[in-house]
C-alpha cells in the first residue's frame, strides 16, 4: 500500500468538485481520491459524473454522482442537500465549473451575459456561502475557487467572463474573513491548460503560450496546487490567489 505524505493526507475527508467530470475538475477528483478522500462529482450530465464516480469507487473510495447546473440556485441547493444526506459533511469544496464563449464585447447579448455571470460567480457564491457556513458551524474545511488569468489581466473578447472571475477572486478573500478561522478560502487562478476546450484552439496555441514556460499546461499539472490548497499543507494559507499559469504575462 502506497504511503500518503501526512501533509497531503485527505483520509476521512469528503470533497465536492463542480465540473468534476472532465478537464481540471476530473484531475482534482482523481487526486483527492488517490489521497484518501471520498468525492462528490457534479456537472450537468449525470452519465459523465457516474463514469468518474465508478473510477473513484475502483480506487476504494466512496463516490456520488450528481447532475446540477451550477448557475441555478435551486439545483445548487439540491446538490448540497444530496451531498449532506449521503455523506453528512463536506470538508473540501472546489468551485471549478465555469466557461465562456469567445466573442466581441459589442456582440454579447443580455442572455449570454447573464449566463456567464450565473455560472462563474452567482453559482459559486451560493455554493461557497452555504457550504462555508455549514463548515464554520461544524469542523471547518477548505474552499477552492478556480478562477482564471482573465480575472487579473486584460483579455479581449471574454470581458464578461473576466469580470465574473475578478468577482470570484474577491469572493474568496471576503469569505476567508467571514468564515475564518475555521474555514480557509483560496483562489486557484488557472492559465491555459490543454483540456477538452483546447481542441478548438489554433494548433499554434496548443503548442505555445505567452508565459515564462512558453507552453500551455497539461491537465495533471494542476494537481499539486489543488492538493496543496485542500490539505493540511496549506494550513496557514487563506484569502490568497495562487497563479497556476506558467508565468503568464
Protein backbone atom coordinates (compact mmCIF):
# COMPACT_ATOMS: atom_id res chain seq x y z
CA UNK A 1 0.00 0.00 0.00
CA UNK A 2 1.38 3.39 -1.02
CA UNK A 3 2.01 5.69 1.93
CA UNK A 4 0.48 9.16 1.76
CA UNK A 5 2.51 12.16 2.87
CA UNK A 6 0.78 13.42 6.06
CA UNK A 7 0.78 16.96 4.68
CA UNK A 8 -1.38 15.83 1.76
CA UNK A 9 -3.41 13.15 3.53
CA UNK A 10 -7.14 13.58 2.88
CA UNK A 11 -8.23 10.32 4.52
CA UNK A 12 -11.69 10.68 6.04
CA UNK A 13 -12.41 13.89 4.12
CA UNK A 14 -15.28 14.49 1.71
CA UNK A 15 -14.63 16.63 -1.36
CA UNK A 16 -17.24 18.17 -3.66
CA UNK A 17 -15.97 19.17 -7.10
CA UNK A 18 -18.14 21.00 -9.62
CA UNK A 19 -17.24 20.44 -13.25
CA UNK A 20 -15.68 17.26 -11.91
CA UNK A 21 -16.35 15.00 -14.88
CA UNK A 22 -13.69 16.37 -17.21
CA UNK A 23 -10.71 18.70 -17.55
CA UNK A 24 -9.09 20.17 -14.46
CA UNK A 25 -12.01 19.07 -12.28
CA UNK A 26 -11.51 15.44 -13.26
CA UNK A 27 -7.81 15.63 -12.43
CA UNK A 28 -8.65 17.06 -9.00
CA UNK A 29 -11.22 14.32 -8.34
CA UNK A 30 -8.67 11.64 -9.14
CA UNK A 31 -6.01 13.30 -6.99
CA UNK A 32 -8.29 13.78 -3.98
CA UNK A 33 -9.42 10.15 -4.15
CA UNK A 34 -5.84 8.92 -4.51
CA UNK A 35 -5.00 10.81 -1.32
CA UNK A 36 -7.85 9.29 0.67
CA UNK A 37 -10.90 11.48 0.12
CA UNK A 38 -14.42 10.42 -0.75
CA UNK A 39 -15.71 12.54 -3.63
CA UNK A 40 -18.92 14.10 -4.91
CA UNK A 41 -18.74 14.72 -8.65
CA UNK A 42 -21.11 17.34 -10.03
CA UNK A 43 -21.70 18.53 -13.58
CA UNK A 44 -24.62 18.90 -15.96
CA UNK A 45 -24.58 15.35 -17.37
CA UNK A 46 -25.22 12.57 -14.86
CA UNK A 47 -23.77 9.82 -17.04
CA UNK A 48 -20.42 11.61 -17.21
CA UNK A 49 -20.39 12.10 -13.44
CA UNK A 50 -21.28 8.45 -12.86
CA UNK A 51 -18.42 7.28 -15.08
CA UNK A 52 -15.97 9.24 -12.90
CA UNK A 53 -17.68 8.00 -9.74
CA UNK A 54 -17.13 4.42 -10.87
CA UNK A 55 -13.46 5.20 -11.36
CA UNK A 56 -13.24 6.60 -7.83
CA UNK A 57 -15.01 3.56 -6.36
CA UNK A 58 -12.50 1.33 -8.11
CA UNK A 59 -9.83 3.16 -6.08
CA UNK A 60 -11.56 2.04 -2.88
CA UNK A 61 -13.22 5.37 -2.11
CA UNK A 62 -16.89 6.34 -1.82
CA UNK A 63 -18.25 8.49 -4.61
CA UNK A 64 -21.51 10.18 -5.54
CA UNK A 65 -22.51 11.45 -8.96
CA UNK A 66 -24.96 14.35 -9.12
CA UNK A 67 -26.25 16.31 -12.10
CA UNK A 68 -26.62 20.03 -11.49
CA UNK A 69 -26.42 23.28 -13.41
CA UNK A 70 -24.12 25.35 -11.22
CA UNK A 71 -25.65 28.60 -12.45
CA UNK A 72 -29.06 27.78 -10.94
CA UNK A 73 -29.57 28.16 -7.20
CA UNK A 74 -32.37 25.61 -6.94
CA UNK A 75 -30.14 22.95 -8.48
CA UNK A 76 -27.24 24.02 -6.27
CA UNK A 77 -29.39 23.68 -3.18
CA UNK A 78 -30.42 20.21 -4.35
CA UNK A 79 -26.76 19.28 -4.77
CA UNK A 80 -25.94 20.48 -1.26
CA UNK A 81 -28.81 18.58 0.32
CA UNK A 82 -27.92 15.40 -1.58
CA UNK A 83 -24.27 15.68 -0.56
CA UNK A 84 -25.06 16.09 3.12
CA UNK A 85 -27.71 13.35 3.02
CA UNK A 86 -25.17 10.91 1.59
CA UNK A 87 -22.02 11.86 3.49
CA UNK A 88 -23.15 14.07 6.36
CA UNK A 89 -20.43 16.61 5.67
CA UNK A 90 -18.33 18.38 3.04
CA UNK A 91 -14.74 19.14 4.03
CA UNK A 92 -13.42 20.38 0.69
CA UNK A 93 -15.39 22.38 -1.87
CA UNK A 94 -13.94 23.11 -5.31
CA UNK A 95 -15.89 25.63 -7.39
CA UNK A 96 -14.41 24.55 -10.69
CA UNK A 97 -17.29 24.72 -13.19
CA UNK A 98 -17.11 27.74 -15.45
CA UNK A 99 -16.58 28.79 -19.04
CA UNK A 100 -17.49 31.38 -21.65
CA UNK A 101 -17.52 31.57 -25.46
CA UNK A 102 -15.08 34.00 -27.05
CA UNK A 103 -16.99 36.90 -28.57
CA UNK A 104 -16.51 40.62 -29.31
CA UNK A 105 -17.99 42.60 -26.44
CA UNK A 106 -20.41 44.56 -28.66
CA UNK A 107 -21.99 41.27 -29.77
CA UNK A 108 -22.67 39.94 -26.27
CA UNK A 109 -26.39 39.58 -25.64
CA UNK A 110 -28.06 40.09 -22.28
CA UNK A 111 -28.87 36.37 -22.15
CA UNK A 112 -25.23 35.41 -22.71
CA UNK A 113 -24.01 37.97 -20.19
CA UNK A 114 -26.39 36.61 -17.56
CA UNK A 115 -25.43 33.01 -18.38
CA UNK A 116 -21.72 33.75 -17.96
CA UNK A 117 -22.24 35.51 -14.64
CA UNK A 118 -24.61 32.82 -13.35
CA UNK A 119 -22.10 30.06 -13.99
CA UNK A 120 -18.92 31.84 -12.97
CA UNK A 121 -19.92 33.88 -9.90
CA UNK A 122 -23.61 33.59 -8.94
CA UNK A 123 -23.45 29.81 -8.55
CA UNK A 124 -20.04 29.67 -6.85
CA UNK A 125 -21.25 32.35 -4.40
CA UNK A 126 -24.25 30.23 -3.46
CA UNK A 127 -22.22 27.03 -3.05
CA UNK A 128 -19.38 28.66 -1.13
CA UNK A 129 -21.65 30.65 1.19
CA UNK A 130 -23.99 27.78 2.01
CA UNK A 131 -21.33 25.11 2.43
CA UNK A 132 -18.93 27.59 4.03
CA UNK A 133 -21.49 28.32 6.76
CA UNK A 134 -22.00 24.60 7.38
CA UNK A 135 -18.24 24.13 7.58
CA UNK A 136 -17.98 27.02 10.02
CA UNK A 137 -20.72 25.56 12.22
CA UNK A 138 -19.01 22.16 12.09
CA UNK A 139 -15.39 21.08 11.97
CA UNK A 140 -14.19 23.62 9.41
CA UNK A 141 -12.96 22.99 5.88
CA UNK A 142 -11.31 24.32 2.75
CA UNK A 143 -12.87 26.04 -0.26
CA UNK A 144 -11.03 26.41 -3.55
CA UNK A 145 -12.46 28.77 -6.16
CA UNK A 146 -10.99 28.05 -9.58
CA UNK A 147 -10.51 31.34 -11.37
CA UNK A 148 -8.65 32.42 -14.48
CA UNK A 149 -5.93 34.78 -15.63
CA UNK A 150 -8.79 36.65 -17.32
CA UNK A 151 -9.73 37.86 -13.85
CA UNK A 152 -6.38 39.58 -13.23
CA UNK A 153 -5.26 40.78 -16.68
CA UNK A 154 -6.92 42.23 -19.78
CA UNK A 155 -8.04 39.58 -22.27
CA UNK A 156 -10.21 40.88 -25.15
CA UNK A 157 -13.40 39.16 -26.27
CA UNK A 158 -14.06 37.39 -22.96
CA UNK A 159 -14.86 40.53 -20.98
CA UNK A 160 -17.96 39.29 -19.08
CA UNK A 161 -16.01 36.15 -18.16
CA UNK A 162 -13.06 38.20 -16.92
CA UNK A 163 -15.37 40.42 -14.87
CA UNK A 164 -17.03 37.36 -13.32
CA UNK A 165 -13.68 35.80 -12.46
CA UNK A 166 -12.47 39.05 -10.91
CA UNK A 167 -15.58 38.94 -8.74
CA UNK A 168 -14.76 35.32 -7.85
CA UNK A 169 -11.29 36.42 -6.72
CA UNK A 170 -12.92 39.00 -4.46
CA UNK A 171 -15.38 36.40 -3.18
CA UNK A 172 -12.53 34.19 -1.95
CA UNK A 173 -10.93 36.96 0.05
CA UNK A 174 -14.21 38.13 1.57
CA UNK A 175 -15.39 34.66 2.58
CA UNK A 176 -11.97 33.83 4.00
CA UNK A 177 -12.53 36.64 6.51
CA UNK A 178 -16.23 35.93 7.05
CA UNK A 179 -15.80 32.22 7.81
CA UNK A 180 -12.27 32.21 9.22
CA UNK A 181 -10.55 30.89 11.16
CA UNK A 182 -12.32 27.53 10.77
CA UNK A 183 -12.75 27.74 7.00
CA UNK A 184 -9.93 28.50 4.58
CA UNK A 185 -10.96 30.02 1.24
CA UNK A 186 -8.46 30.41 -1.59
CA UNK A 187 -8.37 31.06 -5.32
CA UNK A 188 -6.58 28.84 -7.83
CA UNK A 189 -6.09 31.07 -10.86
CA UNK A 190 -5.60 28.78 -13.85
CA UNK A 191 -3.85 29.75 -17.05
CA UNK A 192 -4.06 27.95 -20.41
CA UNK A 193 -4.44 24.19 -19.99
CA UNK A 194 -4.80 21.52 -22.65
CA UNK A 195 -8.22 20.30 -21.54
CA UNK A 196 -11.11 19.38 -23.86
CA UNK A 197 -11.70 23.07 -24.58
CA UNK A 198 -8.24 23.34 -26.13
CA UNK A 199 -9.27 21.07 -29.01
CA UNK A 200 -10.92 24.11 -30.58
CA UNK A 201 -7.78 26.25 -30.28
CA UNK A 202 -5.49 27.19 -33.13
CA UNK A 203 -2.73 24.49 -33.36
CA UNK A 204 -0.04 27.06 -32.52
CA UNK A 205 -1.88 27.99 -29.32
CA UNK A 206 -1.83 24.35 -28.25
CA UNK A 207 1.96 24.34 -28.52
CA UNK A 208 2.99 27.83 -27.41
CA UNK A 209 1.80 30.22 -24.72
CA UNK A 210 2.72 33.75 -23.72
CA UNK A 211 4.18 32.74 -20.38
CA UNK A 212 7.56 32.12 -18.81
CA UNK A 213 7.41 28.40 -19.62
CA UNK A 214 6.41 29.07 -23.21
CA UNK A 215 3.66 26.42 -23.30
CA UNK A 216 0.16 25.55 -22.09
CA UNK A 217 -0.16 23.30 -19.07
CA UNK A 218 -1.06 19.62 -19.11
CA UNK A 219 -4.23 18.95 -17.06
CA UNK A 220 -2.37 16.86 -14.46
CA UNK A 221 -0.14 19.84 -13.69
CA UNK A 222 -2.95 21.42 -11.67
CA UNK A 223 -2.97 18.54 -9.19
CA UNK A 224 -0.23 19.59 -6.77
CA UNK A 225 -1.67 23.11 -6.41
CA UNK A 226 -5.17 21.75 -5.75
CA UNK A 227 -3.85 19.24 -3.22
CA UNK A 228 -1.85 21.97 -1.51
CA UNK A 229 -4.87 24.25 -1.07
CA UNK A 230 -7.16 21.39 0.01
CA UNK A 231 -4.83 19.71 2.50
CA UNK A 232 -3.05 20.41 5.82
CA UNK A 233 -0.03 21.51 3.76
CA UNK A 234 -1.66 24.95 3.43
CA UNK A 235 -2.97 25.24 6.99
CA UNK A 236 -1.72 28.86 7.26
CA UNK A 237 -2.90 29.91 3.79
CA UNK A 238 -6.27 31.61 3.26
CA UNK A 239 -7.61 34.53 1.27
CA UNK A 240 -4.83 34.13 -1.27
CA UNK A 241 -4.69 33.77 -5.04
CA UNK A 242 -2.37 31.06 -6.35
CA UNK A 243 -1.48 31.51 -10.00
CA UNK A 244 -1.04 28.25 -11.90
CA UNK A 245 -0.38 29.65 -15.35
CA UNK A 246 3.25 29.02 -16.28
CA UNK A 247 4.12 32.65 -15.54
CA UNK A 248 1.69 34.23 -17.97
CA UNK A 249 2.14 37.92 -18.87
